[in-house]
Protein backbone atom coordinates (compact mmCIF):
# COMPACT_ATOMS: atom_id res chain seq x y z
CA MET A 1 94.17 43.61 58.36
CA VAL A 2 92.38 46.75 57.19
CA GLN A 3 92.72 49.91 59.29
CA ILE A 4 89.76 52.32 59.38
CA ARG A 5 90.67 55.84 60.50
CA ARG A 6 90.64 59.54 59.73
CA LEU A 7 93.06 60.69 57.03
CA THR A 8 96.09 62.84 57.74
CA GLY A 9 97.06 65.88 55.71
CA ILE A 10 99.54 63.98 53.53
CA GLU A 11 97.11 61.14 52.85
CA ILE A 12 94.42 63.45 51.50
CA GLN A 13 96.23 63.55 48.15
CA GLU A 14 95.79 59.78 47.92
CA ALA A 15 92.09 60.40 48.42
CA VAL A 16 92.16 62.86 45.52
CA ARG A 17 93.86 60.23 43.34
CA LEU A 18 91.27 57.58 44.23
CA SER A 19 88.36 60.01 43.78
CA ASP A 20 89.65 61.18 40.39
CA ALA A 21 90.08 57.59 39.22
CA THR A 22 86.50 56.85 40.25
CA PHE A 23 84.58 59.98 39.26
CA ARG A 24 86.65 61.93 36.72
CA ASP A 25 87.91 61.33 33.21
CA GLY A 26 90.95 62.86 31.53
CA ASN A 27 88.99 65.91 30.35
CA GLN A 28 87.47 66.86 33.70
CA THR A 29 88.81 69.00 36.52
CA SER A 30 90.32 67.11 39.46
CA MET A 31 88.14 66.51 42.52
CA GLY A 32 90.88 68.19 44.53
CA GLN A 33 90.10 71.49 42.79
CA LEU A 34 86.32 71.05 42.67
CA PHE A 35 85.92 70.35 46.38
CA PRO A 36 88.53 72.49 48.19
CA ILE A 37 86.79 72.34 51.57
CA LEU A 38 87.02 68.56 51.38
CA PHE A 39 90.47 68.12 49.79
CA SER A 40 92.53 71.28 50.28
CA ASP A 41 95.79 70.92 52.21
CA ALA A 42 94.73 74.06 54.09
CA ALA A 43 91.51 72.46 55.35
CA LEU A 44 91.00 70.55 58.59
CA HIS A 45 90.44 67.02 57.30
CA LEU A 46 87.48 65.15 58.75
CA SER A 47 87.26 62.36 56.16
CA TYR A 48 87.82 58.65 56.72
CA GLY A 49 89.66 55.97 54.81
CA ALA A 50 90.36 52.23 54.79
CA PHE A 51 94.07 51.35 54.65
CA GLU A 52 95.30 47.85 53.84
CA ASP A 53 98.40 46.23 55.39
CA ASP A 54 100.78 47.92 52.95
CA GLY A 55 99.43 51.35 54.00
CA LYS A 56 97.59 51.95 50.73
CA LEU A 57 94.32 53.89 50.85
CA VAL A 58 91.74 51.62 49.19
CA SER A 59 88.41 53.16 50.28
CA PHE A 60 87.41 56.73 51.11
CA MET A 61 84.48 58.70 52.51
CA GLY A 62 84.61 62.47 52.39
CA VAL A 63 83.08 64.43 55.29
CA VAL A 64 82.30 68.16 55.50
CA LEU A 65 80.51 69.91 58.37
CA TRP A 66 78.01 72.70 57.74
CA THR A 67 75.62 74.91 59.66
CA ILE A 68 72.19 75.15 58.02
CA ARG A 69 70.02 78.06 59.09
CA ILE A 70 66.26 77.56 59.28
CA GLY A 71 64.98 80.90 60.47
CA GLU A 72 66.73 81.45 63.80
CA ALA A 73 67.57 77.77 64.20
CA ALA A 74 71.09 76.53 63.42
CA LEU A 75 71.28 72.88 62.43
CA ARG A 76 74.65 71.14 62.68
CA VAL A 77 74.84 68.98 59.58
CA ALA A 78 77.47 66.67 58.11
CA SER A 79 77.70 66.00 54.37
CA LEU A 80 79.06 62.70 53.07
CA GLY A 81 80.37 62.46 49.51
CA SER A 82 83.12 61.33 47.16
CA VAL A 83 82.64 57.76 48.39
CA CYS A 84 84.93 55.46 46.45
CA THR A 85 86.79 52.14 46.67
CA GLU A 86 89.58 50.62 44.62
CA PRO A 87 88.17 47.91 42.31
CA SER A 88 90.44 45.28 43.90
CA ALA A 89 89.09 46.14 47.39
CA ARG A 90 85.38 46.06 46.61
CA GLY A 91 83.10 43.50 48.22
CA LYS A 92 85.14 43.35 51.43
CA GLY A 93 82.81 45.47 53.56
CA TYR A 94 85.18 48.42 53.84
CA ALA A 95 82.53 51.00 52.92
CA SER A 96 80.16 49.73 55.62
CA GLN A 97 82.90 49.97 58.23
CA LEU A 98 83.77 53.47 57.07
CA LEU A 99 80.13 54.55 57.27
CA GLU A 100 79.89 53.31 60.85
CA GLN A 101 82.96 55.36 61.79
CA VAL A 102 81.62 58.44 60.00
CA GLN A 103 78.26 58.15 61.74
CA GLN A 104 79.91 57.88 65.15
CA PHE A 105 82.33 60.76 64.49
CA THR A 106 79.67 63.14 63.18
CA ARG A 107 77.34 62.24 66.06
CA ASP A 108 80.13 62.90 68.56
CA ALA A 109 80.87 66.20 66.80
CA GLY A 110 77.32 67.35 67.55
CA ALA A 111 75.78 66.92 64.08
CA SER A 112 72.07 66.11 64.13
CA LEU A 113 71.77 65.16 60.46
CA LEU A 114 73.92 63.30 57.93
CA LEU A 115 73.36 64.30 54.30
CA VAL A 116 74.52 61.72 51.77
CA SER A 117 74.92 62.48 48.06
CA GLY A 118 73.73 58.97 47.09
CA ASP A 119 70.88 56.54 47.72
CA ARG A 120 72.67 53.19 47.43
CA SER A 121 71.63 50.29 49.66
CA LEU A 122 74.86 50.91 51.62
CA TYR A 123 73.21 54.07 52.94
CA THR A 124 69.55 53.06 53.11
CA ARG A 125 70.39 49.94 55.15
CA ALA A 126 72.13 52.22 57.66
CA GLY A 127 69.10 54.50 58.17
CA CYS A 128 69.59 57.08 55.40
CA LYS A 129 66.29 57.77 53.62
CA LEU A 130 65.00 59.73 50.65
CA PHE A 131 63.49 63.06 51.65
CA GLY A 132 62.21 66.43 50.59
CA ARG A 133 60.04 67.97 47.92
CA VAL A 134 61.48 70.13 45.13
CA SER A 135 59.73 71.47 42.03
CA LYS A 136 61.89 71.56 38.91
CA TYR A 137 60.65 74.16 36.44
CA ARG A 138 61.84 74.25 32.84
CA MET A 139 61.85 77.74 31.33
CA ASP A 140 62.16 78.11 27.55
CA ALA A 141 63.08 81.13 25.47
CA LEU A 142 59.47 82.24 24.84
CA GLN A 143 58.62 82.07 28.53
CA ALA A 144 61.79 83.97 29.39
CA GLU A 145 60.96 86.68 26.86
CA SER A 146 57.47 87.02 28.30
CA LEU A 147 58.83 87.37 31.83
CA LEU A 148 61.41 89.93 30.76
CA GLY A 149 58.77 91.98 28.97
CA GLY A 150 56.21 91.74 31.72
CA SER A 151 58.31 92.50 34.79
CA GLU A 152 59.43 95.83 36.17
CA VAL A 153 63.06 96.64 35.44
CA THR A 154 65.05 97.36 38.62
CA GLY A 155 68.68 98.21 37.97
CA GLU A 156 71.26 96.60 35.73
CA ILE A 157 71.79 92.86 35.26
CA ARG A 158 75.37 91.86 34.48
CA GLU A 159 77.93 89.15 35.11
CA MET A 160 79.62 89.06 38.50
CA ARG A 161 82.84 90.93 39.23
CA PRO A 162 85.17 90.11 42.16
CA GLU A 163 84.24 93.32 43.95
CA ASP A 164 80.63 92.04 44.18
CA LEU A 165 81.54 89.30 46.64
CA PHE A 166 80.59 91.08 49.90
CA ALA A 167 77.20 92.17 48.55
CA MET A 168 76.48 88.72 47.11
CA GLN A 169 77.30 87.00 50.38
CA GLU A 170 75.09 89.47 52.24
CA ALA A 171 72.25 88.72 49.79
CA ALA A 172 72.77 84.99 50.42
CA GLU A 173 72.53 85.57 54.17
CA THR A 174 69.07 87.15 53.83
CA ARG A 175 67.55 83.77 52.90
CA GLU A 176 65.55 82.31 55.77
CA VAL A 177 66.62 78.78 54.85
CA ARG A 178 70.23 78.41 53.78
CA TYR A 179 73.69 76.98 54.27
CA GLN A 180 75.54 79.49 56.45
CA LEU A 181 78.74 80.56 54.70
CA GLY A 182 81.40 83.08 55.60
CA ILE A 183 82.68 85.42 52.90
CA ASN A 184 85.75 83.28 52.15
CA GLU A 185 83.81 80.00 52.09
CA PHE A 186 81.30 81.60 49.74
CA GLY A 187 84.02 82.88 47.42
CA THR A 188 85.88 79.56 47.50
CA LEU A 189 82.77 77.59 46.52
CA LEU A 190 81.93 80.03 43.72
CA LYS A 191 85.44 79.69 42.31
CA ALA A 192 85.47 75.88 42.59
CA GLU A 193 82.40 75.43 40.34
CA ALA A 194 81.88 71.93 41.74
CA ILE A 195 78.24 71.22 40.92
CA ALA A 196 78.58 72.79 37.46
CA SER A 197 81.48 70.46 36.69
CA VAL A 198 79.65 67.42 38.07
CA MET A 199 76.77 68.27 35.70
CA ARG A 200 79.31 68.76 32.86
CA MET A 201 78.45 72.43 32.56
CA SER A 202 80.34 75.70 32.65
CA GLN A 203 79.36 78.20 35.32
CA ARG A 204 78.05 81.74 34.90
CA VAL A 205 77.13 84.16 37.70
CA LEU A 206 74.66 86.98 37.12
CA VAL A 207 74.01 89.83 39.56
CA GLN A 208 71.47 92.63 39.67
CA GLU A 209 72.31 96.12 40.88
CA SER A 210 69.99 98.69 42.39
CA ASP A 211 71.30 102.17 43.24
CA GLY A 212 74.82 100.90 42.68
CA LYS A 213 74.51 97.90 45.04
CA VAL A 214 74.16 94.23 44.16
CA ILE A 215 70.85 92.97 45.57
CA ASN A 216 70.34 89.62 43.82
CA PHE A 217 72.42 86.93 42.20
CA ALA A 218 71.97 83.67 40.31
CA VAL A 219 74.57 80.98 39.62
CA ILE A 220 73.81 79.28 36.30
CA GLY A 221 75.27 76.14 34.73
CA VAL A 222 75.41 76.08 30.92
CA THR A 223 76.03 73.05 28.72
CA SER A 224 78.69 73.24 26.03
CA ASP A 225 76.90 71.15 23.38
CA GLN A 226 75.18 72.53 20.28
CA GLN A 227 71.75 72.62 21.91
CA LEU A 228 72.45 74.94 24.82
CA ASN A 229 70.61 74.17 28.02
CA GLY A 230 71.14 75.43 31.54
CA ALA A 231 70.40 74.84 35.20
CA VAL A 232 70.06 77.18 38.16
CA LEU A 233 72.64 76.15 40.76
CA GLU A 234 72.17 78.84 43.43
CA TYR A 235 70.30 82.12 43.88
CA ALA A 236 69.34 84.76 46.41
CA GLY A 237 67.22 87.88 46.45
CA ALA A 238 63.62 89.08 46.12
CA SER A 239 61.55 86.52 44.24
CA ALA A 240 60.36 88.67 41.32
CA GLN A 241 63.85 89.97 40.62
CA VAL A 242 65.43 86.52 40.96
CA ILE A 243 62.98 85.25 38.32
CA ARG A 244 64.14 88.10 36.08
CA LEU A 245 67.74 86.90 36.52
CA PHE A 246 66.67 83.41 35.42
CA ALA A 247 64.90 84.79 32.36
CA ASP A 248 67.87 87.03 31.53
CA ALA A 249 70.16 83.99 31.64
CA VAL A 250 68.01 82.19 29.06
CA ASN A 251 68.10 85.21 26.78
CA ARG A 252 71.75 86.19 27.41
CA TYR A 253 73.24 82.72 26.84
CA GLY A 254 70.85 81.61 24.09
CA LEU A 255 69.51 78.69 26.12
CA GLN A 256 66.82 76.42 24.75
CA SER A 257 65.74 75.71 28.30
CA LEU A 258 66.71 76.45 31.88
CA GLU A 259 66.05 73.97 34.70
CA ILE A 260 65.08 75.73 37.94
CA PRO A 261 64.91 73.63 41.15
CA ILE A 262 62.87 75.31 43.89
CA PRO A 263 62.27 73.72 47.33
CA TRP A 264 58.63 73.56 48.47
CA HIS A 265 58.92 76.34 51.04
CA GLU A 266 59.92 79.05 48.51
CA THR A 267 56.25 79.94 47.97
CA ASP A 268 56.81 83.39 46.43
CA ILE A 269 59.04 81.98 43.69
CA HIS A 270 56.59 79.14 43.05
CA GLU A 271 53.88 81.72 42.54
CA GLU A 272 56.04 83.73 40.12
CA LEU A 273 56.79 80.56 38.11
CA SER A 274 53.28 79.09 38.22
CA ALA A 275 52.74 79.43 34.46
CA ILE A 276 55.86 77.38 33.66
CA PRO A 277 55.73 73.54 33.53
CA SER A 278 57.30 71.73 36.47
CA ALA A 279 57.78 68.28 37.95
CA GLU A 280 58.15 67.35 41.60
CA GLU A 281 61.23 65.47 42.80
CA GLY A 282 62.87 64.69 46.12
CA GLN A 283 66.05 66.28 47.38
CA PRO A 284 69.16 64.78 45.76
CA GLY A 285 70.53 61.95 47.90
CA THR A 286 69.38 60.85 51.35
CA VAL A 287 69.36 62.01 54.97
CA GLN A 288 69.86 60.28 58.31
CA ILE A 289 68.90 61.56 61.75
CA LEU A 290 72.03 61.06 63.85
CA SER A 291 70.58 62.27 67.15
CA GLY A 292 66.94 63.00 67.87
CA GLU A 293 67.79 65.00 70.98
CA ALA A 294 70.32 67.15 69.11
CA LEU A 295 67.91 67.70 66.22
CA ILE A 296 65.10 68.95 68.48
CA ASN A 297 67.50 71.15 70.47
CA GLN A 298 68.98 72.70 67.34
CA LEU A 299 65.53 73.21 65.78
CA SER A 300 64.06 74.70 68.97
CA PRO A 301 64.12 78.39 67.83
CA TRP A 302 62.11 77.38 64.74
CA LEU A 303 59.86 74.95 66.63
CA GLU A 304 58.97 77.61 69.21
CA LYS A 305 57.24 79.56 66.44
CA GLN A 306 55.16 76.57 65.33
CA GLU A 307 51.74 75.73 66.71
CA THR A 308 51.93 74.26 70.24
CA ALA A 309 55.38 72.71 69.99
CA ASN A 310 56.08 72.72 73.72
CA GLY A 311 58.36 70.08 75.17
CA LEU A 312 58.91 68.12 71.97
CA ARG A 313 61.10 65.05 72.51
CA LEU A 314 62.59 62.61 70.00
CA ASN A 315 64.42 59.54 71.29
CA ARG A 316 65.86 56.43 69.69
CA LYS A 317 64.29 53.18 70.89
CA GLU A 318 66.21 50.20 69.43
CA ASN A 319 65.07 50.12 65.77
CA SER A 320 62.48 52.89 65.99
CA TRP A 321 61.96 56.47 67.16
CA GLN A 322 59.72 57.74 69.97
CA LEU A 323 58.18 61.19 69.41
CA SER A 324 56.33 62.91 72.23
CA ASP A 325 55.64 66.34 73.72
CA SER A 326 54.22 67.99 76.81
CA THR A 327 50.96 69.28 75.28
CA GLY A 328 49.02 66.03 75.59
CA ARG A 329 49.63 64.58 72.15
CA PRO A 330 49.98 60.79 72.20
CA SER A 331 53.46 59.33 71.99
CA ALA A 332 54.22 58.09 68.45
CA THR A 333 56.49 55.21 67.46
CA LEU A 334 58.01 55.71 64.01
CA SER A 335 60.42 53.92 61.69
CA ASP A 336 63.34 55.85 60.16
CA GLU A 337 61.39 56.31 56.94
CA GLU A 338 58.19 57.41 58.69
CA LEU A 339 60.03 59.91 60.86
CA ILE A 340 61.90 61.48 57.94
CA ARG A 341 58.67 61.69 55.96
CA LEU A 342 56.99 63.48 58.90
CA LEU A 343 59.89 65.87 59.55
CA PHE A 344 61.02 66.66 56.00
CA ASP A 345 58.23 65.46 53.70
CA ARG A 346 58.91 63.22 50.73
CA VAL A 347 57.74 63.13 47.12
CA GLY A 348 55.72 60.05 46.25
CA THR A 349 54.32 59.38 49.72
CA ASP A 350 51.16 61.51 49.60
CA ALA A 351 48.89 58.47 49.71
CA VAL A 352 50.85 56.73 52.48
CA GLU A 353 49.41 57.43 55.91
CA LEU A 354 51.59 57.84 58.96
CA PRO A 355 50.65 55.99 62.15
CA ALA A 356 47.57 57.55 63.77
CA GLU A 357 49.58 58.87 66.74
CA ALA A 358 52.01 60.66 64.40
CA GLN A 359 49.24 62.50 62.60
CA ALA A 360 48.79 64.66 65.71
CA TYR A 361 52.25 66.16 65.00
CA GLN A 362 51.72 66.94 61.32
CA LYS A 363 50.78 70.60 61.94
CA LEU A 364 54.31 71.21 63.27
CA PHE A 365 56.07 69.94 60.15
CA PRO A 366 57.64 69.65 57.60
CA VAL A 367 60.87 71.47 58.34
CA PRO A 368 61.96 73.63 55.36
CA PHE A 369 65.37 72.70 53.94
CA PRO A 370 67.73 74.25 51.38
CA TYR A 371 68.33 72.55 48.06
CA THR A 372 71.29 70.22 48.67
CA ALA A 373 72.76 70.20 45.14
CA GLY A 374 73.84 73.84 45.06
CA LEU A 375 77.19 75.44 45.90
CA CYS A 376 77.51 73.29 49.04
CA PHE A 377 77.08 69.96 47.26
CA VAL A 378 79.61 67.33 48.36
């Protein structure tokens, strides 16, 4: 009979083996190196596995806990990734059992949201839904040259050196909406180059100095094929200077194009990039609300600054959610999908109306959210 439980330190290397067999080929870096917070022997392991009678790990779900800052609010969030099952063990329902255990554990741990790197029916059946609104710009060499020529030069742009780490982490912490990372977490994730490897790119890190201090940075992925293209993986700093880093990367690395994903709330950067073609997409993967009460409590410092958000309550009622407040708005009954659309917006649903009662809450939302496929991707 299968045993579903959290992995021990020794067993995590079996999870690396299974993950590599599923997601890596012989020319790619091991998942154990790419995701050190998930797989390192030095980490506190929170992931779950399915073990058959002989003790062999046949299915795995990786779990990492984060704090996401939204202004003064601190959301407790769990990320789910590296989900894999041995071919001989597929179709036996192990992944569904694992997901149930992960949902219960992360809820008990105080997480309000579960971020999942995929959108398979395994997740959507369990309440995980597509969410978010991100504009992906594509900057070419001519546009980059125009931006470089038309913007004010402030300090030197160069590639990162190890002694830049404190200043870079401090720049990252100035973002209103961000994953909260300590200096060592930040350095570990930069070194791991996880999302660059997943995208089959090599990673470059550019910084900008002003008066001898690093004030901005951009993490760039670059393809290794003959037609060089790139993608922005992470960034921080003043919008105009960050755009200059993007343009410098196109010029410096001879890129034909650079993909730049910008969440909807980064209005200054959107304005700076307005002349460059873009397409709207959702956030990568899906999200599930684990606890309505925890979500409202954790969001309360941000909600208090929104228009008349007094006494907001969000409770689970069987297969739906009940949203209410103390300002006289009517109580609204919402499905998982409707609630996530209200709270976090969603590309492709502009013409879909929420229930009439829910429309009274639309001035409070959506909640801004960091791009989930950056350094903290799992």
